[in-house]
PDB file of N, CA and C in Angstrom:
ATOM      1  N   UNK A   1     -22.084   2.539  -1.677  1.00  0.00           N
ATOM      2  CA  UNK A   1     -22.743   1.546  -1.104  1.00  0.00           C
ATOM      3  C   UNK A   1     -21.888   1.069   0.343  1.00  0.00           C
ATOM      4  N   UNK A   2     -22.606   1.174   1.533  1.00  0.00           N
ATOM      5  CA  UNK A   2     -22.015   0.909   2.870  1.00  0.00           C
ATOM      6  C   UNK A   2     -21.883  -0.580   2.943  1.00  0.00           C
ATOM      7  N   UNK A   3     -20.765  -0.988   3.530  1.00  0.00           N
ATOM      8  CA  UNK A   3     -20.448  -2.449   3.709  1.00  0.00           C
ATOM      9  C   UNK A   3     -21.204  -2.877   4.785  1.00  0.00           C
ATOM     10  N   UNK A   4     -21.199  -4.176   5.029  1.00  0.00           N
ATOM     11  CA  UNK A   4     -22.095  -4.527   6.383  1.00  0.00           C
ATOM     12  C   UNK A   4     -21.206  -4.203   7.741  1.00  0.00           C
ATOM     13  N   UNK A   5     -21.872  -4.190   8.620  1.00  0.00           N
ATOM     14  CA  UNK A   5     -21.137  -3.691  10.054  1.00  0.00           C
ATOM     15  C   UNK A   5     -20.348  -4.737  10.455  1.00  0.00           C
ATOM     16  N   UNK A   6     -19.087  -4.438  11.078  1.00  0.00           N
ATOM     17  CA  UNK A   6     -18.282  -5.223  11.686  1.00  0.00           C
ATOM     18  C   UNK A   6     -17.946  -4.839  13.195  1.00  0.00           C
ATOM     19  N   UNK A   7     -17.479  -5.717  14.057  1.00  0.00           N
ATOM     20  CA  UNK A   7     -17.325  -5.256  15.357  1.00  0.00           C
ATOM     21  C   UNK A   7     -15.870  -4.798  15.653  1.00  0.00           C
ATOM     22  N   UNK A   8     -15.636  -4.523  16.521  1.00  0.00           N
ATOM     23  CA  UNK A   8     -14.135  -3.785  16.986  1.00  0.00           C
ATOM     24  C   UNK A   8     -13.079  -4.821  16.688  1.00  0.00           C
ATOM     25  N   UNK A   9     -13.580  -6.240  17.118  1.00  0.00           N
ATOM     26  CA  UNK A   9     -12.528  -7.226  17.214  1.00  0.00           C
ATOM     27  C   UNK A   9     -11.945  -7.660  15.697  1.00  0.00           C
ATOM     28  N   UNK A  10     -13.086  -7.441  14.911  1.00  0.00           N
ATOM     29  CA  UNK A  10     -12.672  -7.610  13.269  1.00  0.00           C
ATOM     30  C   UNK A  10     -11.738  -6.443  12.852  1.00  0.00           C
ATOM     31  N   UNK A  11     -11.970  -5.218  13.243  1.00  0.00           N
ATOM     32  CA  UNK A  11     -11.116  -4.071  12.866  1.00  0.00           C
ATOM     33  C   UNK A  11      -9.819  -4.424  13.485  1.00  0.00           C
ATOM     34  N   UNK A  12      -9.782  -4.793  14.788  1.00  0.00           N
ATOM     35  CA  UNK A  12      -8.306  -4.912  15.421  1.00  0.00           C
ATOM     36  C   UNK A  12      -7.413  -5.925  14.911  1.00  0.00           C
ATOM     37  N   UNK A  13      -8.090  -6.815  14.062  1.00  0.00           N
ATOM     38  CA  UNK A  13      -7.193  -7.848  13.498  1.00  0.00           C
ATOM     39  C   UNK A  13      -6.349  -7.261  12.350  1.00  0.00           C
ATOM     40  N   UNK A  14      -6.708  -6.017  11.764  1.00  0.00           N
ATOM     41  CA  UNK A  14      -5.944  -5.513  10.655  1.00  0.00           C
ATOM     42  C   UNK A  14      -4.666  -4.778  11.148  1.00  0.00           C
ATOM     43  N   UNK A  15      -3.393  -5.086  10.689  1.00  0.00           N
ATOM     44  CA  UNK A  15      -2.244  -4.476  11.035  1.00  0.00           C
ATOM     45  C   UNK A  15      -1.877  -3.425  10.052  1.00  0.00           C
ATOM     46  N   UNK A  16      -2.336  -2.101  10.266  1.00  0.00           N
ATOM     47  CA  UNK A  16      -2.114  -1.036   9.280  1.00  0.00           C
ATOM     48  C   UNK A  16      -0.998  -0.279   9.724  1.00  0.00           C
ATOM     49  N   UNK A  17       0.086  -0.190   8.983  1.00  0.00           N
ATOM     50  CA  UNK A  17       1.301   0.665   9.441  1.00  0.00           C
ATOM     51  C   UNK A  17       1.866   1.752   8.405  1.00  0.00           C
ATOM     52  N   UNK A  18       2.728   2.466   8.783  1.00  0.00           N
ATOM     53  CA  UNK A  18       3.379   3.438   7.970  1.00  0.00           C
ATOM     54  C   UNK A  18       4.620   2.972   7.380  1.00  0.00           C
ATOM     55  N   UNK A  19       4.877   3.098   6.190  1.00  0.00           N
ATOM     56  CA  UNK A  19       5.985   2.652   5.533  1.00  0.00           C
ATOM     57  C   UNK A  19       6.535   3.553   4.408  1.00  0.00           C
ATOM     58  N   UNK A  20       7.823   3.449   4.027  1.00  0.00           N
ATOM     59  CA  UNK A  20       8.330   4.266   3.011  1.00  0.00           C
ATOM     60  C   UNK A  20       8.685   3.527   1.673  1.00  0.00           C
ATOM     61  N   UNK A  21       8.242   4.038   0.598  1.00  0.00           N
ATOM     62  CA  UNK A  21       8.530   3.393  -0.545  1.00  0.00           C
ATOM     63  C   UNK A  21      10.132   3.578  -0.906  1.00  0.00           C
ATOM     64  N   UNK A  22      10.749   2.454  -1.054  1.00  0.00           N
ATOM     65  CA  UNK A  22      12.383   2.643  -1.329  1.00  0.00           C
ATOM     66  C   UNK A  22      12.606   2.050  -2.629  1.00  0.00           C
ATOM     67  N   UNK A  23      11.717   1.487  -3.507  1.00  0.00           N
ATOM     68  CA  UNK A  23      12.038   1.100  -4.930  1.00  0.00           C
ATOM     69  C   UNK A  23      10.788   0.865  -5.498  1.00  0.00           C
ATOM     70  N   UNK A  24      10.687   1.267  -6.961  1.00  0.00           N
ATOM     71  CA  UNK A  24       9.552   1.203  -7.842  1.00  0.00           C
ATOM     72  C   UNK A  24       9.973   0.627  -9.008  1.00  0.00           C
ATOM     73  N   UNK A  25       9.217  -0.383  -9.542  1.00  0.00           N
ATOM     74  CA  UNK A  25       9.436  -1.128 -10.847  1.00  0.00           C
ATOM     75  C   UNK A  25       8.048  -1.044 -11.742  1.00  0.00           C
ATOM     76  N   UNK A  26       8.201  -0.935 -12.969  1.00  0.00           N
ATOM     77  CA  UNK A  26       7.180  -1.179 -13.811  1.00  0.00           C
ATOM     78  C   UNK A  26       6.881  -2.582 -13.689  1.00  0.00           C
ATOM     79  N   UNK A  27       5.443  -2.970 -13.899  1.00  0.00           N
ATOM     80  CA  UNK A  27       4.862  -4.248 -13.728  1.00  0.00           C
ATOM     81  C   UNK A  27       4.159  -4.613 -15.092  1.00  0.00           C
ATOM     82  N   UNK A  28       4.998  -4.958 -16.095  1.00  0.00           N
ATOM     83  CA  UNK A  28       4.343  -5.130 -17.454  1.00  0.00           C
ATOM     84  C   UNK A  28       3.495  -6.416 -17.493  1.00  0.00           C
ATOM     85  N   UNK A  29       3.649  -7.347 -16.620  1.00  0.00           N
ATOM     86  CA  UNK A  29       2.635  -8.530 -16.700  1.00  0.00           C
ATOM     87  C   UNK A  29       1.494  -8.423 -15.943  1.00  0.00           C
ATOM     88  N   UNK A  30       1.159  -7.274 -15.291  1.00  0.00           N
ATOM     89  CA  UNK A  30      -0.159  -7.062 -14.738  1.00  0.00           C
ATOM     90  C   UNK A  30      -1.142  -6.794 -15.613  1.00  0.00           C
ATOM     91  N   UNK A  31      -2.353  -7.336 -15.439  1.00  0.00           N
ATOM     92  CA  UNK A  31      -3.673  -7.010 -16.226  1.00  0.00           C
ATOM     93  C   UNK A  31      -3.902  -5.672 -16.558  1.00  0.00           C
ATOM     94  N   UNK A  32      -3.818  -4.780 -15.394  1.00  0.00           N
ATOM     95  CA  UNK A  32      -3.935  -3.411 -15.453  1.00  0.00           C
ATOM     96  C   UNK A  32      -2.609  -2.566 -15.237  1.00  0.00           C
ATOM     97  N   UNK A  33      -2.459  -1.465 -15.668  1.00  0.00           N
ATOM     98  CA  UNK A  33      -1.210  -0.890 -15.289  1.00  0.00           C
ATOM     99  C   UNK A  33      -0.990  -0.810 -13.980  1.00  0.00           C
ATOM    100  N   UNK A  34       0.407  -1.154 -13.567  1.00  0.00           N
ATOM    101  CA  UNK A  34       0.522  -1.166 -12.052  1.00  0.00           C
ATOM    102  C   UNK A  34       2.171  -0.991 -11.959  1.00  0.00           C
ATOM    103  N   UNK A  35       2.529  -0.612 -10.610  1.00  0.00           N
ATOM    104  CA  UNK A  35       3.925  -0.646 -10.093  1.00  0.00           C
ATOM    105  C   UNK A  35       4.142  -1.884  -9.369  1.00  0.00           C
ATOM    106  N   UNK A  36       5.430  -2.270  -9.376  1.00  0.00           N
ATOM    107  CA  UNK A  36       5.894  -3.151  -8.184  1.00  0.00           C
ATOM    108  C   UNK A  36       6.535  -2.108  -7.151  1.00  0.00           C
ATOM    109  N   UNK A  37       6.052  -2.300  -5.866  1.00  0.00           N
ATOM    110  CA  UNK A  37       6.783  -1.366  -4.896  1.00  0.00           C
ATOM    111  C   UNK A  37       7.483  -2.174  -3.726  1.00  0.00           C
ATOM    112  N   UNK A  38       8.502  -1.752  -3.343  1.00  0.00           N
ATOM    113  CA  UNK A  38       9.264  -2.165  -2.294  1.00  0.00           C
ATOM    114  C   UNK A  38       9.265  -1.136  -1.163  1.00  0.00           C
ATOM    115  N   UNK A  39       8.672  -1.457  -0.056  1.00  0.00           N
ATOM    116  CA  UNK A  39       8.352  -0.541   1.113  1.00  0.00           C
ATOM    117  C   UNK A  39       9.202  -0.933   2.327  1.00  0.00           C
ATOM    118  N   UNK A  40       9.758  -0.007   3.041  1.00  0.00           N
ATOM    119  CA  UNK A  40      10.564  -0.204   4.295  1.00  0.00           C
ATOM    120  C   UNK A  40       9.377  -0.016   5.393  1.00  0.00           C
ATOM    121  N   UNK A  41       8.999  -1.086   6.294  1.00  0.00           N
ATOM    122  CA  UNK A  41       8.114  -0.811   7.440  1.00  0.00           C
ATOM    123  C   UNK A  41       9.176  -0.906   8.673  1.00  0.00           C
ATOM    124  N   UNK A  42      10.390  -0.562   8.688  1.00  0.00           N
ATOM    125  CA  UNK A  42      11.129  -0.377   9.944  1.00  0.00           C
ATOM    126  C   UNK A  42      11.465  -1.828  10.358  1.00  0.00           C
ATOM    127  N   UNK A  43      11.057  -2.003  11.752  1.00  0.00           N
ATOM    128  CA  UNK A  43      11.399  -3.002  12.559  1.00  0.00           C
ATOM    129  C   UNK A  43      10.709  -4.461  12.008  1.00  0.00           C
ATOM    130  N   UNK A  44       9.558  -4.326  11.238  1.00  0.00           N
ATOM    131  CA  UNK A  44       8.998  -5.400  10.671  1.00  0.00           C
ATOM    132  C   UNK A  44       9.497  -5.670   9.295  1.00  0.00           C
ATOM    133  N   UNK A  45      10.421  -4.948   8.727  1.00  0.00           N
ATOM    134  CA  UNK A  45      11.169  -5.355   7.541  1.00  0.00           C
ATOM    135  C   UNK A  45      10.582  -4.767   6.365  1.00  0.00           C
ATOM    136  N   UNK A  46      11.063  -5.352   5.338  1.00  0.00           N
ATOM    137  CA  UNK A  46      10.957  -4.902   3.856  1.00  0.00           C
ATOM    138  C   UNK A  46       9.761  -5.639   3.337  1.00  0.00           C
ATOM    139  N   UNK A  47       8.761  -5.069   2.678  1.00  0.00           N
ATOM    140  CA  UNK A  47       7.682  -5.936   2.133  1.00  0.00           C
ATOM    141  C   UNK A  47       7.404  -5.331   0.624  1.00  0.00           C
ATOM    142  N   UNK A  48       6.695  -6.149  -0.197  1.00  0.00           N
ATOM    143  CA  UNK A  48       6.533  -5.743  -1.678  1.00  0.00           C
ATOM    144  C   UNK A  48       5.067  -5.689  -1.931  1.00  0.00           C
ATOM    145  N   UNK A  49       4.692  -4.924  -2.805  1.00  0.00           N
ATOM    146  CA  UNK A  49       3.288  -4.688  -3.194  1.00  0.00           C
ATOM    147  C   UNK A  49       3.100  -4.353  -4.561  1.00  0.00           C
ATOM    148  N   UNK A  50       2.010  -4.797  -5.087  1.00  0.00           N
ATOM    149  CA  UNK A  50       1.724  -4.278  -6.541  1.00  0.00           C
ATOM    150  C   UNK A  50       0.581  -3.194  -6.325  1.00  0.00           C
ATOM    151  N   UNK A  51       0.672  -2.221  -6.948  1.00  0.00           N
ATOM    152  CA  UNK A  51      -0.394  -1.082  -7.002  1.00  0.00           C
ATOM    153  C   UNK A  51      -0.655  -0.473  -8.105  1.00  0.00           C
ATOM    154  N   UNK A  52      -2.003  -0.370  -8.465  1.00  0.00           N
ATOM    155  CA  UNK A  52      -2.526   0.215  -9.751  1.00  0.00           C
ATOM    156  C   UNK A  52      -2.703   1.674  -9.505  1.00  0.00           C
ATOM    157  N   UNK A  53      -1.489   2.481  -9.588  1.00  0.00           N
ATOM    158  CA  UNK A  53      -1.530   3.684  -9.294  1.00  0.00           C
ATOM    159  C   UNK A  53      -0.723   4.738 -10.242  1.00  0.00           C
ATOM    160  N   UNK A  54      -0.495   3.961 -11.529  1.00  0.00           N
ATOM    161  CA  UNK A  54       0.285   4.683 -12.597  1.00  0.00           C
ATOM    162  C   UNK A  54      -0.510   5.959 -13.081  1.00  0.00           C
ATOM    163  N   UNK A  55      -1.796   6.074 -12.992  1.00  0.00           N
ATOM    164  CA  UNK A  55      -2.586   7.142 -13.548  1.00  0.00           C
ATOM    165  C   UNK A  55      -2.311   8.465 -12.825  1.00  0.00           C
ATOM    166  N   UNK A  56      -2.117   8.311 -11.453  1.00  0.00           N
ATOM    167  CA  UNK A  56      -1.798   9.680 -10.840  1.00  0.00           C
ATOM    168  C   UNK A  56      -0.389   9.964 -10.292  1.00  0.00           C
ATOM    169  N   UNK A  57       0.398   8.712 -10.339  1.00  0.00           N
ATOM    170  CA  UNK A  57       1.772   8.877  -9.684  1.00  0.00           C
ATOM    171  C   UNK A  57       2.832   8.390 -10.579  1.00  0.00           C
ATOM    172  N   UNK A  58       3.951   9.383 -10.756  1.00  0.00           N
ATOM    173  CA  UNK A  58       5.103   8.557 -11.485  1.00  0.00           C
ATOM    174  C   UNK A  58       5.994   8.032 -10.609  1.00  0.00           C
ATOM    175  N   UNK A  59       6.819   7.123 -10.970  1.00  0.00           N
ATOM    176  CA  UNK A  59       7.699   6.553 -10.271  1.00  0.00           C
ATOM    177  C   UNK A  59       8.516   7.444  -9.373  1.00  0.00           C
ATOM    178  N   UNK A  60       9.005   8.656  -9.990  1.00  0.00           N
ATOM    179  CA  UNK A  60       9.817   9.569  -9.242  1.00  0.00           C
ATOM    180  C   UNK A  60       9.132  10.256  -8.321  1.00  0.00           C
ATOM    181  N   UNK A  61       7.806  10.493  -8.417  1.00  0.00           N
ATOM    182  CA  UNK A  61       7.031  11.014  -7.194  1.00  0.00           C
ATOM    183  C   UNK A  61       6.757  10.172  -6.037  1.00  0.00           C
ATOM    184  N   UNK A  62       6.990   8.858  -6.265  1.00  0.00           N
ATOM    185  CA  UNK A  62       6.715   7.766  -5.209  1.00  0.00           C
ATOM    186  C   UNK A  62       7.880   7.521  -4.293  1.00  0.00           C
ATOM    187  N   UNK A  63       9.117   7.543  -4.901  1.00  0.00           N
ATOM    188  CA  UNK A  63      10.356   7.149  -4.092  1.00  0.00           C
ATOM    189  C   UNK A  63      10.337   8.015  -2.923  1.00  0.00           C
ATOM    190  N   UNK A  64      10.662   7.297  -1.777  1.00  0.00           N
ATOM    191  CA  UNK A  64      10.801   8.000  -0.443  1.00  0.00           C
ATOM    192  C   UNK A  64       9.332   8.559   0.158  1.00  0.00           C
ATOM    193  N   UNK A  65       8.376   8.305  -0.635  1.00  0.00           N
ATOM    194  CA  UNK A  65       6.822   8.603  -0.005  1.00  0.00           C
ATOM    195  C   UNK A  65       6.560   7.644   0.967  1.00  0.00           C
ATOM    196  N   UNK A  66       5.959   8.238   2.106  1.00  0.00           N
ATOM    197  CA  UNK A  66       5.382   7.411   3.060  1.00  0.00           C
ATOM    198  C   UNK A  66       3.971   7.231   2.763  1.00  0.00           C
ATOM    199  N   UNK A  67       3.529   5.806   2.993  1.00  0.00           N
ATOM    200  CA  UNK A  67       2.260   5.435   2.708  1.00  0.00           C
ATOM    201  C   UNK A  67       1.653   4.569   3.926  1.00  0.00           C
ATOM    202  N   UNK A  68       0.410   4.153   3.751  1.00  0.00           N
ATOM    203  CA  UNK A  68      -0.098   3.352   4.716  1.00  0.00           C
ATOM    204  C   UNK A  68      -0.487   2.193   4.070  1.00  0.00           C
ATOM    205  N   UNK A  69      -0.245   0.844   4.622  1.00  0.00           N
ATOM    206  CA  UNK A  69      -0.611  -0.301   4.134  1.00  0.00           C
ATOM    207  C   UNK A  69      -0.995  -1.365   5.249  1.00  0.00           C
ATOM    208  N   UNK A  70      -1.822  -2.371   4.918  1.00  0.00           N
ATOM    209  CA  UNK A  70      -2.223  -3.549   5.750  1.00  0.00           C
ATOM    210  C   UNK A  70      -1.104  -4.454   5.367  1.00  0.00           C
ATOM    211  N   UNK A  71      -0.265  -4.844   6.685  1.00  0.00           N
ATOM    212  CA  UNK A  71       0.786  -5.713   6.430  1.00  0.00           C
ATOM    213  C   UNK A  71       0.684  -7.188   6.929  1.00  0.00           C
ATOM    214  N   UNK A  72      -0.578  -7.388   7.256  1.00  0.00           N
ATOM    215  CA  UNK A  72      -0.890  -8.815   7.603  1.00  0.00           C
ATOM    216  C   UNK A  72      -1.880  -9.479   6.923  1.00  0.00           C
ATOM    217  N   UNK A  73      -2.036  -9.270   5.643  1.00  0.00           N
ATOM    218  CA  UNK A  73      -2.847 -10.058   4.749  1.00  0.00           C
ATOM    219  C   UNK A  73      -1.916 -11.212   4.294  1.00  0.00           C
ATOM    220  N   UNK A  74      -2.536 -12.370   3.839  1.00  0.00           N
ATOM    221  CA  UNK A  74      -1.825 -13.330   3.433  1.00  0.00           C
ATOM    222  C   UNK A  74      -1.170 -12.940   1.929  1.00  0.00           C
ATOM    223  N   UNK A  75       0.064 -13.351   1.633  1.00  0.00           N
ATOM    224  CA  UNK A  75       0.682 -12.997   0.387  1.00  0.00           C
ATOM    225  C   UNK A  75      -0.251 -13.541  -0.863  1.00  0.00           C
ATOM    226  N   UNK A  76      -0.194 -12.493  -1.975  1.00  0.00           N
ATOM    227  CA  UNK A  76      -0.893 -12.840  -2.940  1.00  0.00           C
ATOM    228  C   UNK A  76      -0.006 -12.853  -4.233  1.00  0.00           C
ATOM    229  N   UNK A  77      -0.143 -13.922  -5.094  1.00  0.00           N
ATOM    230  CA  UNK A  77       0.489 -14.100  -6.208  1.00  0.00           C
ATOM    231  C   UNK A  77      -0.312 -13.326  -7.344  1.00  0.00           C
ATOM    232  N   UNK A  78       0.543 -12.438  -8.047  1.00  0.00           N
ATOM    233  CA  UNK A  78      -0.077 -11.439  -9.099  1.00  0.00           C
ATOM    234  C   UNK A  78       0.969 -11.651 -10.280  1.00  0.00           C
ATOM    235  N   UNK A  79       0.482 -12.434 -11.380  1.00  0.00           N
ATOM    236  CA  UNK A  79       1.309 -12.783 -12.418  1.00  0.00           C
ATOM    237  C   UNK A  79       2.671 -13.498 -11.806  1.00  0.00           C
ATOM    238  N   UNK A  80       3.712 -12.902 -12.009  1.00  0.00           N
ATOM    239  CA  UNK A  80       5.010 -13.460 -11.570  1.00  0.00           C
ATOM    240  C   UNK A  80       5.532 -12.752 -10.325  1.00  0.00           C
ATOM    241  N   UNK A  81       4.681 -12.139  -9.617  1.00  0.00           N
ATOM    242  CA  UNK A  81       5.201 -11.215  -8.393  1.00  0.00           C
ATOM    243  C   UNK A  81       4.339 -11.609  -7.248  1.00  0.00           C
ATOM    244  N   UNK A  82       5.040 -11.625  -6.069  1.00  0.00           N
ATOM    245  CA  UNK A  82       4.191 -12.052  -4.864  1.00  0.00           C
ATOM    246  C   UNK A  82       4.030 -10.650  -4.107  1.00  0.00           C
ATOM    247  N   UNK A  83       2.929 -10.372  -3.861  1.00  0.00           N
ATOM    248  CA  UNK A  83       2.546  -9.055  -3.048  1.00  0.00           C
ATOM    249  C   UNK A  83       2.304  -9.515  -1.581  1.00  0.00           C
ATOM    250  N   UNK A  84       3.012  -8.789  -0.680  1.00  0.00           N
ATOM    251  CA  UNK A  84       3.238  -9.096   0.509  1.00  0.00           C
ATOM    252  C   UNK A  84       2.254  -8.253   1.596  1.00  0.00           C
ATOM    253  N   UNK A  85       1.877  -7.152   0.742  1.00  0.00           N
ATOM    254  CA  UNK A  85       0.917  -6.080   1.870  1.00  0.00           C
ATOM    255  C   UNK A  85       0.006  -5.366   0.800  1.00  0.00           C
ATOM    256  N   UNK A  86      -0.822  -4.762   1.460  1.00  0.00           N
ATOM    257  CA  UNK A  86      -2.058  -3.868   0.644  1.00  0.00           C
ATOM    258  C   UNK A  86      -1.793  -2.435   0.892  1.00  0.00           C
ATOM    259  N   UNK A  87      -1.434  -1.694  -0.127  1.00  0.00           N
ATOM    260  CA  UNK A  87      -1.311  -0.279  -0.044  1.00  0.00           C
ATOM    261  C   UNK A  87      -2.734   0.366   0.084  1.00  0.00           C
ATOM    262  N   UNK A  88      -3.037   1.298   1.024  1.00  0.00           N
ATOM    263  CA  UNK A  88      -4.268   1.918   1.178  1.00  0.00           C
ATOM    264  C   UNK A  88      -4.537   3.136   0.335  1.00  0.00           C
ATOM    265  N   UNK A  89      -5.684   3.335  -0.436  1.00  0.00           N
ATOM    266  CA  UNK A  89      -5.911   4.360  -1.104  1.00  0.00           C
ATOM    267  C   UNK A  89      -7.510   4.386  -1.375  1.00  0.00           C
ATOM    268  N   UNK A  90      -7.949   5.534  -1.882  1.00  0.00           N
ATOM    269  CA  UNK A  90      -9.278   5.889  -2.072  1.00  0.00           C
ATOM    270  C   UNK A  90      -9.582   5.897  -3.725  1.00  0.00           C
ATOM    271  N   UNK A  91     -10.403   5.247  -4.123  1.00  0.00           N
ATOM    272  CA  UNK A  91     -10.844   5.263  -5.467  1.00  0.00           C
ATOM    273  C   UNK A  91     -11.622   6.514  -5.877  1.00  0.00           C
ATOM    274  N   UNK A  92     -11.107   7.475  -6.580  1.00  0.00           N
ATOM    275  CA  UNK A  92     -11.877   8.797  -6.977  1.00  0.00           C
ATOM    276  C   UNK A  92     -12.846   8.585  -8.024  1.00  0.00           C
ATOM    277  N   UNK A  93     -13.591   9.636  -8.453  1.00  0.00           N
ATOM    278  CA  UNK A  93     -14.601   9.633  -9.230  1.00  0.00           C
ATOM    279  C   UNK A  93     -14.227   9.193 -10.752  1.00  0.00           C
ATOM    280  N   UNK A  94     -12.959   9.313 -11.177  1.00  0.00           N
ATOM    281  CA  UNK A  94     -12.253   8.921 -12.441  1.00  0.00           C
ATOM    282  C   UNK A  94     -11.829   7.422 -12.247  1.00  0.00           C
ATOM    283  N   UNK A  95     -12.038   6.731 -11.190  1.00  0.00           N
ATOM    284  CA  UNK A  95     -11.692   5.425 -11.025  1.00  0.00           C
ATOM    285  C   UNK A  95     -10.175   5.322 -10.805  1.00  0.00           C
ATOM    286  N   UNK A  96      -9.451   6.348 -10.176  1.00  0.00           N
ATOM    287  CA  UNK A  96      -8.071   6.373  -9.961  1.00  0.00           C
ATOM    288  C   UNK A  96      -7.786   6.237  -8.541  1.00  0.00           C
ATOM    289  N   UNK A  97      -6.721   5.449  -8.226  1.00  0.00           N
ATOM    290  CA  UNK A  97      -6.491   5.348  -6.727  1.00  0.00           C
ATOM    291  C   UNK A  97      -5.691   6.492  -6.207  1.00  0.00           C
ATOM    292  N   UNK A  98      -6.040   7.229  -5.211  1.00  0.00           N
ATOM    293  CA  UNK A  98      -5.281   8.247  -4.441  1.00  0.00           C
ATOM    294  C   UNK A  98      -4.776   7.650  -3.192  1.00  0.00           C
ATOM    295  N   UNK A  99      -3.616   7.642  -2.980  1.00  0.00           N
ATOM    296  CA  UNK A  99      -2.820   7.000  -1.825  1.00  0.00           C
ATOM    297  C   UNK A  99      -3.252   7.713  -0.587  1.00  0.00           C
ATOM    298  N   UNK A 100      -3.434   6.858   0.486  1.00  0.00           N
ATOM    299  CA  UNK A 100      -3.541   7.538   1.808  1.00  0.00           C
ATOM    300  C   UNK A 100      -2.270   7.847   2.418  1.00  0.00           C
ATOM    301  N   UNK A 101      -2.179   8.829   3.293  1.00  0.00           N
ATOM    302  CA  UNK A 101      -0.886   9.191   3.894  1.00  0.00           C
ATOM    303  C   UNK A 101      -1.191   9.933   5.199  1.00  0.00           C
ATOM    304  N   UNK A 102      -0.182   9.727   6.085  1.00  0.00           N
ATOM    305  CA  UNK A 102      -0.263  10.580   7.361  1.00  0.00           C
ATOM    306  C   UNK A 102      -0.351  12.121   7.298  1.00  0.00           C
ATOM    307  N   UNK A 103      -0.884  12.668   8.216  1.00  0.00           N
ATOM    308  CA  UNK A 103      -1.071  14.259   8.100  1.00  0.00           C
ATOM    309  C   UNK A 103       0.197  14.750   8.560  1.00  0.00           C
ATOM    310  N   UNK A 104       1.058  14.070   9.277  1.00  0.00           N
ATOM    311  CA  UNK A 104       2.277  14.635   9.629  1.00  0.00           C
ATOM    312  C   UNK A 104       3.513  13.881   8.868  1.00  0.00           C
ATOM    313  N   UNK A 105       4.524  14.556   8.589  1.00  0.00           N
ATOM    314  CA  UNK A 105       5.522  13.885   7.651  1.00  0.00           C
ATOM    315  C   UNK A 105       6.559  13.272   8.549  1.00  0.00           C
ATOM    316  N   UNK A 106       7.287  12.494   8.113  1.00  0.00           N
ATOM    317  CA  UNK A 106       8.434  11.887   8.596  1.00  0.00           C
ATOM    318  C   UNK A 106       8.173  11.002  10.060  1.00  0.00           C
ATOM    319  N   UNK A 107       7.039  10.224   9.918  1.00  0.00           N
ATOM    320  CA  UNK A 107       6.868   9.363  10.971  1.00  0.00           C
ATOM    321  C   UNK A 107       7.904   8.010  10.960  1.00  0.00           C
ATOM    322  N   UNK A 108       7.944   7.435  11.833  1.00  0.00           N
ATOM    323  CA  UNK A 108       8.926   6.389  11.949  1.00  0.00           C
ATOM    324  C   UNK A 108       8.408   5.105  11.210  1.00  0.00           C
ATOM    325  N   UNK A 109       9.028   4.598  10.217  1.00  0.00           N
ATOM    326  CA  UNK A 109       8.513   3.476   9.400  1.00  0.00           C
ATOM    327  C   UNK A 109       8.187   2.323  10.315  1.00  0.00           C
ATOM    328  N   UNK A 110       6.936   1.681  10.210  1.00  0.00           N
ATOM    329  CA  UNK A 110       6.495   0.719  11.110  1.00  0.00           C
ATOM    330  C   UNK A 110       5.493   1.012  12.052  1.00  0.00           C
ATOM    331  N   UNK A 111       5.391   2.343  12.357  1.00  0.00           N
ATOM    332  CA  UNK A 111       4.529   2.845  13.288  1.00  0.00           C
ATOM    333  C   UNK A 111       3.097   2.399  12.871  1.00  0.00           C
ATOM    334  N   UNK A 112       2.210   1.894  13.829  1.00  0.00           N
ATOM    335  CA  UNK A 112       0.998   1.328  13.578  1.00  0.00           C
ATOM    336  C   UNK A 112      -0.295   2.276  13.854  1.00  0.00           C
ATOM    337  N   UNK A 113      -1.241   2.019  12.924  1.00  0.00           N
ATOM    338  CA  UNK A 113      -2.548   2.915  12.969  1.00  0.00           C
ATOM    339  C   UNK A 113      -3.217   2.086  14.215  1.00  0.00           C
ATOM    340  N   UNK A 114      -3.872   2.885  15.154  1.00  0.00           N
ATOM    341  CA  UNK A 114      -4.590   2.358  16.177  1.00  0.00           C
ATOM    342  C   UNK A 114      -5.974   2.934  16.212  1.00  0.00           C
TER     343      UNK A 114
END
């Protein structure tokens, strides 16, 4: 299903940046299996996020992985955890989240999607 059309001003409100996952913890209090991620976004700082990506990603495979995230959403309380950004991914045909990443490696943390 295609979502309703938005204008460029709506899109430009999103602050999408590259960041590196620097810490991963299990999140046993989440309703669905998830990790608690700590992500380095360079000059804008360290942010935390909850991500339901345990089906396709081990904690070991995520450490030091660069990801894309929306960093200007309002914080969201998830159980006992405060999520400060939204990791971007695609839900595949098996209802698993596949993380989005940049096509070039080693971008500077905090660089912005435009």
